[in-house]
């Protein structure tokens, strides 16, 4: 490349060079930056209605009571032997 003797053109060439350098650095920074992950949220609806949930709670409490009774019976029968 020939050296330019015109001061105005030299400043313009320097400005263009600086802009190109800036653009190259900007692209390099964007490539180096971690990619943002897309986050997806789903709207949910309750699968169990309140009535069914109450029934499940009642069934669970009955089951727990029966297990406790069986445990206590076995515990008391073991002592008698």
Protein backbone atom coordinates (compact mmCIF):
# COMPACT_ATOMS: atom_id res chain seq x y z
CA UNK A 1 0.00 0.00 0.00
CA UNK A 2 1.31 3.38 -0.90
CA UNK A 3 1.77 5.90 1.82
CA UNK A 4 -0.59 8.80 1.54
CA UNK A 5 0.82 12.28 1.66
CA UNK A 6 -2.54 13.92 2.16
CA UNK A 7 -3.19 14.49 5.87
CA UNK A 8 -7.01 14.44 5.51
CA UNK A 9 -6.97 11.12 3.69
CA UNK A 10 -4.57 9.64 6.27
CA UNK A 11 -6.97 10.58 9.06
CA UNK A 12 -9.88 9.09 7.12
CA UNK A 13 -7.95 5.86 6.50
CA UNK A 14 -7.05 5.74 10.21
CA UNK A 15 -10.70 6.26 11.16
CA UNK A 16 -11.81 3.48 8.80
CA UNK A 17 -9.12 1.20 10.24
CA UNK A 18 -10.27 1.97 13.76
CA UNK A 19 -13.89 1.23 12.81
CA UNK A 20 -12.92 -2.09 11.21
CA UNK A 21 -10.87 -3.01 14.27
CA UNK A 22 -13.79 -2.11 16.51
CA UNK A 23 -16.18 -4.24 14.45
CA UNK A 24 -13.81 -7.23 14.54
CA UNK A 25 -13.39 -6.91 18.31
CA UNK A 26 -17.16 -6.62 18.77
CA UNK A 27 -17.77 -9.82 16.79
CA UNK A 28 -15.06 -11.61 18.76
CA UNK A 29 -16.60 -10.50 22.09
CA UNK A 30 -20.05 -11.70 20.97
CA UNK A 31 -18.63 -15.10 20.00
CA UNK A 32 -16.78 -15.42 23.31
CA UNK A 33 -19.81 -14.45 25.42
CA UNK A 34 -21.83 -17.41 26.72
CA UNK A 35 -25.05 -18.06 24.89
CA UNK A 36 -28.21 -17.29 26.83
CA UNK A 37 -30.31 -20.35 27.48
CA UNK A 38 -33.95 -20.21 26.59
CA UNK A 39 -36.20 -20.87 29.54
CA UNK A 40 -39.60 -22.37 28.97
CA UNK A 41 -42.30 -22.32 31.59
CA UNK A 42 -45.44 -24.37 31.42
CA UNK A 43 -48.68 -23.45 33.08
CA UNK A 44 -50.03 -26.30 35.13
CA UNK A 45 -53.44 -27.14 36.41
CA UNK A 46 -54.10 -29.32 39.41
CA UNK A 47 -54.77 -32.90 38.38
CA UNK A 48 -56.67 -33.72 41.56
CA UNK A 49 -59.70 -31.77 42.56
CA UNK A 50 -60.21 -30.74 46.17
CA UNK A 51 -62.84 -33.45 46.69
CA UNK A 52 -60.54 -36.18 45.46
CA UNK A 53 -57.71 -34.80 47.58
CA UNK A 54 -59.88 -34.94 50.71
CA UNK A 55 -60.79 -38.55 49.93
CA UNK A 56 -57.12 -39.40 49.48
CA UNK A 57 -56.32 -37.78 52.84
CA UNK A 58 -59.05 -39.81 54.53
CA UNK A 59 -57.81 -43.04 52.94
CA UNK A 60 -54.27 -42.27 54.00
CA UNK A 61 -55.28 -41.55 57.59
CA UNK A 62 -57.26 -44.82 57.72
CA UNK A 63 -54.28 -46.71 56.37
CA UNK A 64 -51.98 -45.14 58.97
CA UNK A 65 -54.42 -46.01 61.76
CA UNK A 66 -54.64 -49.63 60.58
CA UNK A 67 -50.86 -49.94 60.39
CA UNK A 68 -50.51 -48.52 63.92
CA UNK A 69 -53.16 -50.93 65.23
CA UNK A 70 -51.47 -53.90 63.58
CA UNK A 71 -48.09 -52.86 64.99
CA UNK A 72 -49.52 -52.45 68.47
CA UNK A 73 -51.29 -55.84 68.28
CA UNK A 74 -48.10 -57.55 67.20
CA UNK A 75 -46.16 -55.75 69.93
CA UNK A 76 -48.65 -56.82 72.62
CA UNK A 77 -48.83 -60.43 71.34
CA UNK A 78 -45.05 -60.64 71.41
CA UNK A 79 -45.00 -59.65 75.09
CA UNK A 80 -47.51 -62.37 76.04
CA UNK A 81 -45.43 -65.20 74.60
